Amino acid sequence: MPLKTFAQVQQFIDQVLTQNSEIDGVSAAPHGSFWTALSYQEFTTGNVPGVSPATPILIVGDSKNSNIIQALLGVGPLFGPNGAIGQMPGNGPPFFTQDQIQQIADWIDAGCPQ
């Protein structure tokens, strides 16, 4: 089912992490469930809380260059195998599946419908 709203994205991320915690004890990203406390505006235009240097969460309409997608895939200068942060969630595996990541990417590419 495509993610059509920000509330669905928030719920989906929580659901995946909850399912993964049942598999291997992974309950959340090391910086906490930041997406649940952010407004739509903060999520789509803000930075990942507690990460330095400032790291935008996403780029509306551009999932490929969005940090949340790179983090979940474990690619790019910050999140790749040699990156300073590495693949998220940081206490994984298990990690998000390609299909789960694609659902979030599709929402970003659709312009992050509210």
PDB file of N, CA and C in Angstrom:
ATOM      1  N   MET A   1       0.843  -1.175   0.000  1.00  0.00           N
ATOM      2  CA  MET A   1       0.000   0.000   0.000  1.00  0.00           C
ATOM      3  C   MET A   1       0.890   1.241   0.000  1.00  0.00           C
ATOM      4  N   PRO A   2       0.709   2.135  -0.950  1.00  0.00           N
ATOM      5  CA  PRO A   2       1.552   3.339  -1.002  1.00  0.00           C
ATOM      6  C   PRO A   2       1.316   4.244   0.211  1.00  0.00           C
ATOM      7  N   LEU A   3       2.400   4.872   0.644  1.00  0.00           N
ATOM      8  CA  LEU A   3       2.302   5.840   1.731  1.00  0.00           C
ATOM      9  C   LEU A   3       1.838   7.155   1.132  1.00  0.00           C
ATOM     10  N   LYS A   4       0.696   7.646   1.592  1.00  0.00           N
ATOM     11  CA  LYS A   4       0.099   8.829   0.978  1.00  0.00           C
ATOM     12  C   LYS A   4       0.201  10.071   1.847  1.00  0.00           C
ATOM     13  N   THR A   5       0.478   9.914   3.131  1.00  0.00           N
ATOM     14  CA  THR A   5       0.528  11.069   4.025  1.00  0.00           C
ATOM     15  C   THR A   5       1.727  10.960   4.963  1.00  0.00           C
ATOM     16  N   PHE A   6       2.098  12.090   5.538  1.00  0.00           N
ATOM     17  CA  PHE A   6       3.177  12.104   6.517  1.00  0.00           C
ATOM     18  C   PHE A   6       2.844  11.217   7.714  1.00  0.00           C
ATOM     19  N   ALA A   7       1.611  11.246   8.170  1.00  0.00           N
ATOM     20  CA  ALA A   7       1.211  10.398   9.298  1.00  0.00           C
ATOM     21  C   ALA A   7       1.427   8.921   8.958  1.00  0.00           C
ATOM     22  N   GLN A   8       1.158   8.517   7.738  1.00  0.00           N
ATOM     23  CA  GLN A   8       1.390   7.132   7.325  1.00  0.00           C
ATOM     24  C   GLN A   8       2.880   6.805   7.317  1.00  0.00           C
ATOM     25  N   VAL A   9       3.712   7.773   6.906  1.00  0.00           N
ATOM     26  CA  VAL A   9       5.167   7.568   6.915  1.00  0.00           C
ATOM     27  C   VAL A   9       5.648   7.366   8.352  1.00  0.00           C
ATOM     28  N   GLN A  10       5.197   8.228   9.262  1.00  0.00           N
ATOM     29  CA  GLN A  10       5.578   8.089  10.669  1.00  0.00           C
ATOM     30  C   GLN A  10       5.181   6.713  11.208  1.00  0.00           C
ATOM     31  N   GLN A  11       3.948   6.324  10.960  1.00  0.00           N
ATOM     32  CA  GLN A  11       3.441   5.043  11.440  1.00  0.00           C
ATOM     33  C   GLN A  11       4.215   3.883  10.810  1.00  0.00           C
ATOM     34  N   PHE A  12       4.524   3.987   9.524  1.00  0.00           N
ATOM     35  CA  PHE A  12       5.233   2.931   8.810  1.00  0.00           C
ATOM     36  C   PHE A  12       6.629   2.726   9.398  1.00  0.00           C
ATOM     37  N   ILE A  13       7.365   3.807   9.630  1.00  0.00           N
ATOM     38  CA  ILE A  13       8.711   3.686  10.195  1.00  0.00           C
ATOM     39  C   ILE A  13       8.635   3.014  11.567  1.00  0.00           C
ATOM     40  N   ASP A  14       7.697   3.444  12.398  1.00  0.00           N
ATOM     41  CA  ASP A  14       7.526   2.828  13.714  1.00  0.00           C
ATOM     42  C   ASP A  14       7.193   1.342  13.597  1.00  0.00           C
ATOM     43  N   GLN A  15       6.306   1.008  12.667  1.00  0.00           N
ATOM     44  CA  GLN A  15       5.885  -0.378  12.481  1.00  0.00           C
ATOM     45  C   GLN A  15       7.070  -1.260  12.075  1.00  0.00           C
ATOM     46  N   VAL A  16       7.876  -0.785  11.135  1.00  0.00           N
ATOM     47  CA  VAL A  16       9.028  -1.576  10.686  1.00  0.00           C
ATOM     48  C   VAL A  16      10.007  -1.781  11.835  1.00  0.00           C
ATOM     49  N   LEU A  17      10.297  -0.717  12.576  1.00  0.00           N
ATOM     50  CA  LEU A  17      11.232  -0.857  13.693  1.00  0.00           C
ATOM     51  C   LEU A  17      10.675  -1.777  14.775  1.00  0.00           C
ATOM     52  N   THR A  18       9.379  -1.727  15.018  1.00  0.00           N
ATOM     53  CA  THR A  18       8.765  -2.622  15.997  1.00  0.00           C
ATOM     54  C   THR A  18       8.885  -4.074  15.543  1.00  0.00           C
ATOM     55  N   GLN A  19       8.593  -4.329  14.264  1.00  0.00           N
ATOM     56  CA  GLN A  19       8.719  -5.689  13.731  1.00  0.00           C
ATOM     57  C   GLN A  19      10.165  -6.166  13.814  1.00  0.00           C
ATOM     58  N   ASN A  20      11.109  -5.280  13.482  1.00  0.00           N
ATOM     59  CA  ASN A  20      12.520  -5.649  13.533  1.00  0.00           C
ATOM     60  C   ASN A  20      12.970  -5.908  14.969  1.00  0.00           C
ATOM     61  N   SER A  21      12.412  -5.176  15.930  1.00  0.00           N
ATOM     62  CA  SER A  21      12.812  -5.385  17.324  1.00  0.00           C
ATOM     63  C   SER A  21      12.381  -6.758  17.805  1.00  0.00           C
ATOM     64  N   GLU A  22      11.297  -7.261  17.252  1.00  0.00           N
ATOM     65  CA  GLU A  22      10.840  -8.601  17.609  1.00  0.00           C
ATOM     66  C   GLU A  22      11.786  -9.662  17.055  1.00  0.00           C
ATOM     67  N   ILE A  23      12.504  -9.316  15.983  1.00  0.00           N
ATOM     68  CA  ILE A  23      13.452 -10.250  15.372  1.00  0.00           C
ATOM     69  C   ILE A  23      14.783 -10.226  16.110  1.00  0.00           C
ATOM     70  N   ASP A  24      15.297  -8.995  16.363  1.00  0.00           N
ATOM     71  CA  ASP A  24      16.674  -8.918  16.849  1.00  0.00           C
ATOM     72  C   ASP A  24      16.892  -7.833  17.905  1.00  0.00           C
ATOM     73  N   GLY A  25      15.855  -7.374  18.554  1.00  0.00           N
ATOM     74  CA  GLY A  25      16.026  -6.409  19.624  1.00  0.00           C
ATOM     75  C   GLY A  25      16.259  -4.979  19.182  1.00  0.00           C
ATOM     76  N   VAL A  26      16.167  -4.672  17.891  1.00  0.00           N
ATOM     77  CA  VAL A  26      16.344  -3.305  17.403  1.00  0.00           C
ATOM     78  C   VAL A  26      15.052  -2.551  17.660  1.00  0.00           C
ATOM     79  N   SER A  27      15.116  -1.478  18.448  1.00  0.00           N
ATOM     80  CA  SER A  27      13.884  -0.784  18.794  1.00  0.00           C
ATOM     81  C   SER A  27      13.787   0.612  18.208  1.00  0.00           C
ATOM     82  N   ALA A  28      14.897   1.251  17.938  1.00  0.00           N
ATOM     83  CA  ALA A  28      14.864   2.607  17.383  1.00  0.00           C
ATOM     84  C   ALA A  28      16.264   3.013  16.981  1.00  0.00           C
ATOM     85  N   ALA A  29      16.344   4.106  16.256  1.00  0.00           N
ATOM     86  CA  ALA A  29      17.640   4.662  15.912  1.00  0.00           C
ATOM     87  C   ALA A  29      18.312   5.145  17.192  1.00  0.00           C
ATOM     88  N   PRO A  30      19.640   5.206  17.223  1.00  0.00           N
ATOM     89  CA  PRO A  30      20.339   5.637  18.436  1.00  0.00           C
ATOM     90  C   PRO A  30      19.923   7.028  18.910  1.00  0.00           C
ATOM     91  N   HIS A  31      19.485   7.890  18.005  1.00  0.00           N
ATOM     92  CA  HIS A  31      19.060   9.237  18.399  1.00  0.00           C
ATOM     93  C   HIS A  31      17.565   9.270  18.721  1.00  0.00           C
ATOM     94  N   GLY A  32      16.973   8.112  18.860  1.00  0.00           N
ATOM     95  CA  GLY A  32      15.568   8.038  19.237  1.00  0.00           C
ATOM     96  C   GLY A  32      14.636   8.112  18.048  1.00  0.00           C
ATOM     97  N   SER A  33      13.370   8.029  18.326  1.00  0.00           N
ATOM     98  CA  SER A  33      12.333   8.060  17.296  1.00  0.00           C
ATOM     99  C   SER A  33      11.996   9.508  16.952  1.00  0.00           C
ATOM    100  N   PHE A  34      12.961  10.231  16.417  1.00  0.00           N
ATOM    101  CA  PHE A  34      12.807  11.670  16.165  1.00  0.00           C
ATOM    102  C   PHE A  34      11.633  11.984  15.248  1.00  0.00           C
ATOM    103  N   TRP A  35      11.329  11.113  14.304  1.00  0.00           N
ATOM    104  CA  TRP A  35      10.267  11.380  13.328  1.00  0.00           C
ATOM    105  C   TRP A  35       8.894  11.477  13.995  1.00  0.00           C
ATOM    106  N   THR A  36       8.716  10.877  15.164  1.00  0.00           N
ATOM    107  CA  THR A  36       7.413  10.928  15.822  1.00  0.00           C
ATOM    108  C   THR A  36       7.156  12.265  16.496  1.00  0.00           C
ATOM    109  N   ALA A  37       8.225  12.994  16.826  1.00  0.00           N
ATOM    110  CA  ALA A  37       8.075  14.271  17.525  1.00  0.00           C
ATOM    111  C   ALA A  37       8.088  15.472  16.584  1.00  0.00           C
ATOM    112  N   LEU A  38       8.451  15.247  15.329  1.00  0.00           N
ATOM    113  CA  LEU A  38       8.553  16.355  14.382  1.00  0.00           C
ATOM    114  C   LEU A  38       7.235  16.603  13.666  1.00  0.00           C
ATOM    115  N   SER A  39       6.979  17.874  13.408  1.00  0.00           N
ATOM    116  CA  SER A  39       5.837  18.229  12.576  1.00  0.00           C
ATOM    117  C   SER A  39       6.176  17.891  11.127  1.00  0.00           C
ATOM    118  N   TYR A  40       5.174  17.934  10.290  1.00  0.00           N
ATOM    119  CA  TYR A  40       5.392  17.726   8.857  1.00  0.00           C
ATOM    120  C   TYR A  40       6.445  18.696   8.342  1.00  0.00           C
ATOM    121  N   GLN A  41       6.309  19.966   8.685  1.00  0.00           N
ATOM    122  CA  GLN A  41       7.249  21.003   8.225  1.00  0.00           C
ATOM    123  C   GLN A  41       8.665  20.703   8.707  1.00  0.00           C
ATOM    124  N   GLU A  42       8.812  20.335   9.963  1.00  0.00           N
ATOM    125  CA  GLU A  42      10.139  20.032  10.508  1.00  0.00           C
ATOM    126  C   GLU A  42      10.757  18.813   9.833  1.00  0.00           C
ATOM    127  N   PHE A  43       9.931  17.809   9.533  1.00  0.00           N
ATOM    128  CA  PHE A  43      10.436  16.597   8.902  1.00  0.00           C
ATOM    129  C   PHE A  43      10.863  16.849   7.461  1.00  0.00           C
ATOM    130  N   THR A  44      10.095  17.632   6.739  1.00  0.00           N
ATOM    131  CA  THR A  44      10.376  17.826   5.312  1.00  0.00           C
ATOM    132  C   THR A  44      11.377  18.947   5.026  1.00  0.00           C
ATOM    133  N   THR A  45      11.620  19.835   5.981  1.00  0.00           N
ATOM    134  CA  THR A  45      12.572  20.928   5.732  1.00  0.00           C
ATOM    135  C   THR A  45      13.680  20.997   6.775  1.00  0.00           C
ATOM    136  N   GLY A  46      13.628  20.166   7.799  1.00  0.00           N
ATOM    137  CA  GLY A  46      14.587  20.259   8.890  1.00  0.00           C
ATOM    138  C   GLY A  46      15.734  19.280   8.779  1.00  0.00           C
ATOM    139  N   ASN A  47      16.554  19.306   9.820  1.00  0.00           N
ATOM    140  CA  ASN A  47      17.721  18.440   9.917  1.00  0.00           C
ATOM    141  C   ASN A  47      17.463  17.317  10.916  1.00  0.00           C
ATOM    142  N   VAL A  48      18.235  16.244  10.786  1.00  0.00           N
ATOM    143  CA  VAL A  48      18.150  15.148  11.731  1.00  0.00           C
ATOM    144  C   VAL A  48      18.627  15.683  13.088  1.00  0.00           C
ATOM    145  N   PRO A  49      17.791  15.606  14.104  1.00  0.00           N
ATOM    146  CA  PRO A  49      18.181  16.125  15.418  1.00  0.00           C
ATOM    147  C   PRO A  49      19.423  15.424  15.967  1.00  0.00           C
ATOM    148  N   GLY A  50      20.326  16.208  16.536  1.00  0.00           N
ATOM    149  CA  GLY A  50      21.497  15.661  17.203  1.00  0.00           C
ATOM    150  C   GLY A  50      22.619  15.212  16.305  1.00  0.00           C
ATOM    151  N   VAL A  51      22.508  15.428  14.990  1.00  0.00           N
ATOM    152  CA  VAL A  51      23.566  15.015  14.066  1.00  0.00           C
ATOM    153  C   VAL A  51      24.338  16.252  13.631  1.00  0.00           C
ATOM    154  N   SER A  52      25.654  16.173  13.750  1.00  0.00           N
ATOM    155  CA  SER A  52      26.518  17.273  13.339  1.00  0.00           C
ATOM    156  C   SER A  52      27.543  16.735  12.358  1.00  0.00           C
ATOM    157  N   PRO A  53      27.780  17.411  11.256  1.00  0.00           N
ATOM    158  CA  PRO A  53      27.198  18.690  10.861  1.00  0.00           C
ATOM    159  C   PRO A  53      25.716  18.545  10.519  1.00  0.00           C
ATOM    160  N   ALA A  54      25.033  19.689  10.395  1.00  0.00           N
ATOM    161  CA  ALA A  54      23.608  19.690  10.060  1.00  0.00           C
ATOM    162  C   ALA A  54      23.359  18.795   8.856  1.00  0.00           C
ATOM    163  N   THR A  55      22.405  17.893   9.010  1.00  0.00           N
ATOM    164  CA  THR A  55      22.107  16.892   7.992  1.00  0.00           C
ATOM    165  C   THR A  55      20.619  16.936   7.681  1.00  0.00           C
ATOM    166  N   PRO A  56      20.237  17.517   6.526  1.00  0.00           N
ATOM    167  CA  PRO A  56      18.809  17.560   6.183  1.00  0.00           C
ATOM    168  C   PRO A  56      18.220  16.152   6.148  1.00  0.00           C
ATOM    169  N   ILE A  57      17.022  16.023   6.656  1.00  0.00           N
ATOM    170  CA  ILE A  57      16.364  14.719   6.673  1.00  0.00           C
ATOM    171  C   ILE A  57      16.100  14.252   5.246  1.00  0.00           C
ATOM    172  N   LEU A  58      15.562  15.145   4.429  1.00  0.00           N
ATOM    173  CA  LEU A  58      15.228  14.765   3.059  1.00  0.00           C
ATOM    174  C   LEU A  58      15.196  15.979   2.146  1.00  0.00           C
ATOM    175  N   ILE A  59      15.121  15.677   0.865  1.00  0.00           N
ATOM    176  CA  ILE A  59      14.932  16.700  -0.169  1.00  0.00           C
ATOM    177  C   ILE A  59      13.623  16.357  -0.853  1.00  0.00           C
ATOM    178  N   VAL A  60      12.629  17.206  -0.680  1.00  0.00           N
ATOM    179  CA  VAL A  60      11.309  16.960  -1.253  1.00  0.00           C
ATOM    180  C   VAL A  60      11.437  16.720  -2.761  1.00  0.00           C
ATOM    181  N   GLY A  61      10.880  15.610  -3.215  1.00  0.00           N
ATOM    182  CA  GLY A  61      10.896  15.271  -4.640  1.00  0.00           C
ATOM    183  C   GLY A  61      12.164  14.578  -5.102  1.00  0.00           C
ATOM    184  N   ASP A  62      13.121  14.336  -4.210  1.00  0.00           N
ATOM    185  CA  ASP A  62      14.416  13.770  -4.610  1.00  0.00           C
ATOM    186  C   ASP A  62      14.877  12.731  -3.590  1.00  0.00           C
ATOM    187  N   SER A  63      14.296  11.551  -3.663  1.00  0.00           N
ATOM    188  CA  SER A  63      14.646  10.518  -2.687  1.00  0.00           C
ATOM    189  C   SER A  63      16.095  10.074  -2.809  1.00  0.00           C
ATOM    190  N   LYS A  64      16.622  10.022  -4.022  1.00  0.00           N
ATOM    191  CA  LYS A  64      17.987   9.537  -4.244  1.00  0.00           C
ATOM    192  C   LYS A  64      19.001  10.339  -3.436  1.00  0.00           C
ATOM    193  N   ASN A  65      18.790  11.630  -3.317  1.00  0.00           N
ATOM    194  CA  ASN A  65      19.724  12.491  -2.595  1.00  0.00           C
ATOM    195  C   ASN A  65      19.243  12.847  -1.193  1.00  0.00           C
ATOM    196  N   SER A  66      18.194  12.187  -0.725  1.00  0.00           N
ATOM    197  CA  SER A  66      17.669  12.425   0.618  1.00  0.00           C
ATOM    198  C   SER A  66      18.429  11.584   1.638  1.00  0.00           C
ATOM    199  N   ASN A  67      18.844  12.221   2.711  1.00  0.00           N
ATOM    200  CA  ASN A  67      19.641  11.529   3.721  1.00  0.00           C
ATOM    201  C   ASN A  67      18.909  10.370   4.375  1.00  0.00           C
ATOM    202  N   ILE A  68      17.600  10.475   4.569  1.00  0.00           N
ATOM    203  CA  ILE A  68      16.896   9.366   5.192  1.00  0.00           C
ATOM    204  C   ILE A  68      16.982   8.105   4.328  1.00  0.00           C
ATOM    205  N   ILE A  69      16.897   8.267   3.028  1.00  0.00           N
ATOM    206  CA  ILE A  69      16.996   7.111   2.127  1.00  0.00           C
ATOM    207  C   ILE A  69      18.429   6.590   2.093  1.00  0.00           C
ATOM    208  N   GLN A  70      19.403   7.488   1.992  1.00  0.00           N
ATOM    209  CA  GLN A  70      20.805   7.055   2.005  1.00  0.00           C
ATOM    210  C   GLN A  70      21.141   6.336   3.311  1.00  0.00           C
ATOM    211  N   ALA A  71      20.606   6.851   4.425  1.00  0.00           N
ATOM    212  CA  ALA A  71      20.869   6.222   5.722  1.00  0.00           C
ATOM    213  C   ALA A  71      20.284   4.817   5.785  1.00  0.00           C
ATOM    214  N   LEU A  72      19.052   4.660   5.299  1.00  0.00           N
ATOM    215  CA  LEU A  72      18.405   3.345   5.342  1.00  0.00           C
ATOM    216  C   LEU A  72      19.063   2.350   4.398  1.00  0.00           C
ATOM    217  N   LEU A  73      19.605   2.857   3.266  1.00  0.00           N
ATOM    218  CA  LEU A  73      20.300   1.989   2.313  1.00  0.00           C
ATOM    219  C   LEU A  73      21.750   1.715   2.715  1.00  0.00           C
ATOM    220  N   GLY A  74      22.325   2.618   3.516  1.00  0.00           N
ATOM    221  CA  GLY A  74      23.736   2.485   3.871  1.00  0.00           C
ATOM    222  C   GLY A  74      24.647   2.893   2.738  1.00  0.00           C
ATOM    223  N   VAL A  75      24.297   4.006   2.062  1.00  0.00           N
ATOM    224  CA  VAL A  75      25.102   4.502   0.941  1.00  0.00           C
ATOM    225  C   VAL A  75      25.431   5.972   1.148  1.00  0.00           C
ATOM    226  N   GLY A  76      26.378   6.464   0.372  1.00  0.00           N
ATOM    227  CA  GLY A  76      26.730   7.874   0.410  1.00  0.00           C
ATOM    228  C   GLY A  76      27.867   8.157   1.376  1.00  0.00           C
ATOM    229  N   PRO A  77      28.324   9.399   1.373  1.00  0.00           N
ATOM    230  CA  PRO A  77      29.507   9.754   2.175  1.00  0.00           C
ATOM    231  C   PRO A  77      29.308   9.625   3.687  1.00  0.00           C
ATOM    232  N   LEU A  78      28.112   9.857   4.176  1.00  0.00           N
ATOM    233  CA  LEU A  78      27.876   9.741   5.622  1.00  0.00           C
ATOM    234  C   LEU A  78      27.461   8.343   6.045  1.00  0.00           C
ATOM    235  N   PHE A  79      26.714   7.654   5.179  1.00  0.00           N
ATOM    236  CA  PHE A  79      26.060   6.419   5.594  1.00  0.00           C
ATOM    237  C   PHE A  79      26.615   5.159   4.943  1.00  0.00           C
ATOM    238  N   GLY A  80      27.550   5.307   4.010  1.00  0.00           N
ATOM    239  CA  GLY A  80      28.144   4.146   3.360  1.00  0.00           C
ATOM    240  C   GLY A  80      29.058   3.384   4.307  1.00  0.00           C
ATOM    241  N   PRO A  81      29.620   2.289   3.837  1.00  0.00           N
ATOM    242  CA  PRO A  81      30.474   1.451   4.687  1.00  0.00           C
ATOM    243  C   PRO A  81      31.648   2.206   5.318  1.00  0.00           C
ATOM    244  N   ASN A  82      32.158   3.218   4.633  1.00  0.00           N
ATOM    245  CA  ASN A  82      33.277   3.997   5.160  1.00  0.00           C
ATOM    246  C   ASN A  82      32.842   5.355   5.684  1.00  0.00           C
ATOM    247  N   GLY A  83      31.539   5.568   5.789  1.00  0.00           N
ATOM    248  CA  GLY A  83      31.010   6.852   6.244  1.00  0.00           C
ATOM    249  C   GLY A  83      31.137   7.030   7.747  1.00  0.00           C
ATOM    250  N   ALA A  84      31.004   8.270   8.167  1.00  0.00           N
ATOM    251  CA  ALA A  84      31.132   8.598   9.584  1.00  0.00           C
ATOM    252  C   ALA A  84      29.993   8.027  10.417  1.00  0.00           C
ATOM    253  N   ILE A  85      28.818   7.839   9.815  1.00  0.00           N
ATOM    254  CA  ILE A  85      27.655   7.396  10.578  1.00  0.00           C
ATOM    255  C   ILE A  85      27.324   5.932  10.303  1.00  0.00           C
ATOM    256  N   GLY A  86      27.307   5.523   9.045  1.00  0.00           N
ATOM    257  CA  GLY A  86      26.972   4.146   8.708  1.00  0.00           C
ATOM    258  C   GLY A  86      25.486   3.942   8.508  1.00  0.00           C
ATOM    259  N   GLN A  87      25.113   2.740   8.122  1.00  0.00           N
ATOM    260  CA  GLN A  87      23.723   2.416   7.812  1.00  0.00           C
ATOM    261  C   GLN A  87      22.847   2.499   9.051  1.00  0.00           C
ATOM    262  N   MET A  88      21.636   2.976   8.847  1.00  0.00           N
ATOM    263  CA  MET A  88      20.671   3.104   9.927  1.00  0.00           C
ATOM    264  C   MET A  88      19.603   2.019   9.809  1.00  0.00           C
ATOM    265  N   PRO A  89      19.001   1.566  10.874  1.00  0.00           N
ATOM    266  CA  PRO A  89      19.284   2.019  12.226  1.00  0.00           C
ATOM    267  C   PRO A  89      20.653   1.539  12.678  1.00  0.00           C
ATOM    268  N   GLY A  90      21.324   2.387  13.450  1.00  0.00           N
ATOM    269  CA  GLY A  90      22.697   2.135  13.858  1.00  0.00           C
ATOM    270  C   GLY A  90      22.873   0.891  14.704  1.00  0.00           C
ATOM    271  N   ASN A  91      21.801   0.430  15.327  1.00  0.00           N
ATOM    272  CA  ASN A  91      21.913  -0.780  16.121  1.00  0.00           C
ATOM    273  C   ASN A  91      21.394  -2.002  15.367  1.00  0.00           C
ATOM    274  N   GLY A  92      21.279  -1.867  14.009  1.00  0.00           N
ATOM    275  CA  GLY A  92      20.875  -2.994  13.185  1.00  0.00           C
ATOM    276  C   GLY A  92      22.081  -3.856  12.874  1.00  0.00           C
ATOM    277  N   PRO A  93      21.960  -4.975  12.198  1.00  0.00           N
ATOM    278  CA  PRO A  93      20.743  -5.445  11.583  1.00  0.00           C
ATOM    279  C   PRO A  93      19.760  -6.005  12.593  1.00  0.00           C
ATOM    280  N   PRO A  94      18.514  -6.202  12.198  1.00  0.00           N
ATOM    281  CA  PRO A  94      18.002  -6.082  10.832  1.00  0.00           C
ATOM    282  C   PRO A  94      17.834  -4.626  10.417  1.00  0.00           C
ATOM    283  N   PHE A  95      17.930  -4.435   9.124  1.00  0.00           N
ATOM    284  CA  PHE A  95      17.723  -3.131   8.513  1.00  0.00           C
ATOM    285  C   PHE A  95      16.407  -3.151   7.744  1.00  0.00           C
ATOM    286  N   PHE A  96      15.987  -1.990   7.257  1.00  0.00           N
ATOM    287  CA  PHE A  96      14.800  -1.919   6.406  1.00  0.00           C
ATOM    288  C   PHE A  96      15.075  -2.702   5.125  1.00  0.00           C
ATOM    289  N   THR A  97      14.053  -3.348   4.586  1.00  0.00           N
ATOM    290  CA  THR A  97      14.206  -4.048   3.315  1.00  0.00           C
ATOM    291  C   THR A  97      14.178  -3.037   2.171  1.00  0.00           C
ATOM    292  N   GLN A  98      14.612  -3.468   1.009  1.00  0.00           N
ATOM    293  CA  GLN A  98      14.583  -2.600  -0.170  1.00  0.00           C
ATOM    294  C   GLN A  98      13.158  -2.124  -0.457  1.00  0.00           C
ATOM    295  N   ASP A  99      12.180  -3.008  -0.329  1.00  0.00           N
ATOM    296  CA  ASP A  99      10.782  -2.634  -0.571  1.00  0.00           C
ATOM    297  C   ASP A  99      10.300  -1.591   0.443  1.00  0.00           C
ATOM    298  N   GLN A 100      10.665  -1.754   1.691  1.00  0.00           N
ATOM    299  CA  GLN A 100      10.265  -0.787   2.720  1.00  0.00           C
ATOM    300  C   GLN A 100      10.889   0.588   2.458  1.00  0.00           C
ATOM    301  N   ILE A 101      12.148   0.584   2.070  1.00  0.00           N
ATOM    302  CA  ILE A 101      12.831   1.844   1.745  1.00  0.00           C
ATOM    303  C   ILE A 101      12.183   2.485   0.527  1.00  0.00           C
ATOM    304  N   GLN A 102      11.835   1.667  -0.459  1.00  0.00           N
ATOM    305  CA  GLN A 102      11.222   2.192  -1.680  1.00  0.00           C
ATOM    306  C   GLN A 102       9.887   2.860  -1.390  1.00  0.00           C
ATOM    307  N   GLN A 103       9.142   2.361  -0.431  1.00  0.00           N
ATOM    308  CA  GLN A 103       7.865   2.984  -0.082  1.00  0.00           C
ATOM    309  C   GLN A 103       8.075   4.405   0.443  1.00  0.00           C
ATOM    310  N   ILE A 104       9.093   4.590   1.267  1.00  0.00           N
ATOM    311  CA  ILE A 104       9.410   5.929   1.772  1.00  0.00           C
ATOM    312  C   ILE A 104       9.931   6.796   0.635  1.00  0.00           C
ATOM    313  N   ALA A 105      10.778   6.231  -0.221  1.00  0.00           N
ATOM    314  CA  ALA A 105      11.318   6.968  -1.369  1.00  0.00           C
ATOM    315  C   ALA A 105      10.200   7.422  -2.301  1.00  0.00           C
ATOM    316  N   ASP A 106       9.231   6.564  -2.527  1.00  0.00           N
ATOM    317  CA  ASP A 106       8.108   6.930  -3.407  1.00  0.00           C
ATOM    318  C   ASP A 106       7.336   8.120  -2.834  1.00  0.00           C
ATOM    319  N   TRP A 107       7.155   8.145  -1.505  1.00  0.00           N
ATOM    320  CA  TRP A 107       6.473   9.271  -0.858  1.00  0.00           C
ATOM    321  C   TRP A 107       7.274  10.556  -1.052  1.00  0.00           C
ATOM    322  N   ILE A 108       8.584  10.476  -0.891  1.00  0.00           N
ATOM    323  CA  ILE A 108       9.441  11.661  -1.104  1.00  0.00           C
ATOM    324  C   ILE A 108       9.360  12.109  -2.550  1.00  0.00           C
ATOM    325  N   ASP A 109       9.488  11.171  -3.495  1.00  0.00           N
ATOM    326  CA  ASP A 109       9.452  11.511  -4.916  1.00  0.00           C
ATOM    327  C   ASP A 109       8.103  12.079  -5.352  1.00  0.00           C
ATOM    328  N   ALA A 110       7.036  11.735  -4.630  1.00  0.00           N
ATOM    329  CA  ALA A 110       5.698  12.255  -4.924  1.00  0.00           C
ATOM    330  C   ALA A 110       5.515  13.669  -4.354  1.00  0.00           C
ATOM    331  N   GLY A 111       6.573  14.229  -3.761  1.00  0.00           N
ATOM    332  CA  GLY A 111       6.496  15.580  -3.225  1.00  0.00           C
ATOM    333  C   GLY A 111       6.129  15.652  -1.756  1.00  0.00           C
ATOM    334  N   CYS A 112       6.236  14.521  -1.049  1.00  0.00           N
ATOM    335  CA  CYS A 112       5.931  14.443   0.385  1.00  0.00           C
ATOM    336  C   CYS A 112       4.518  14.934   0.698  1.00  0.00           C
ATOM    337  N   PRO A 113       3.507  14.273   0.139  1.00  0.00           N
ATOM    338  CA  PRO A 113       2.140  14.700   0.435  1.00  0.00           C
ATOM    339  C   PRO A 113       1.874  14.747   1.934  1.00  0.00           C
ATOM    340  N   GLN A 114       1.162  15.770   2.328  1.00  0.00           N
ATOM    341  CA  GLN A 114       0.898  15.972   3.746  1.00  0.00           C
ATOM    342  C   GLN A 114      -0.280  15.109   4.170  1.00  0.00           C
TER     343      GLN A 114
END
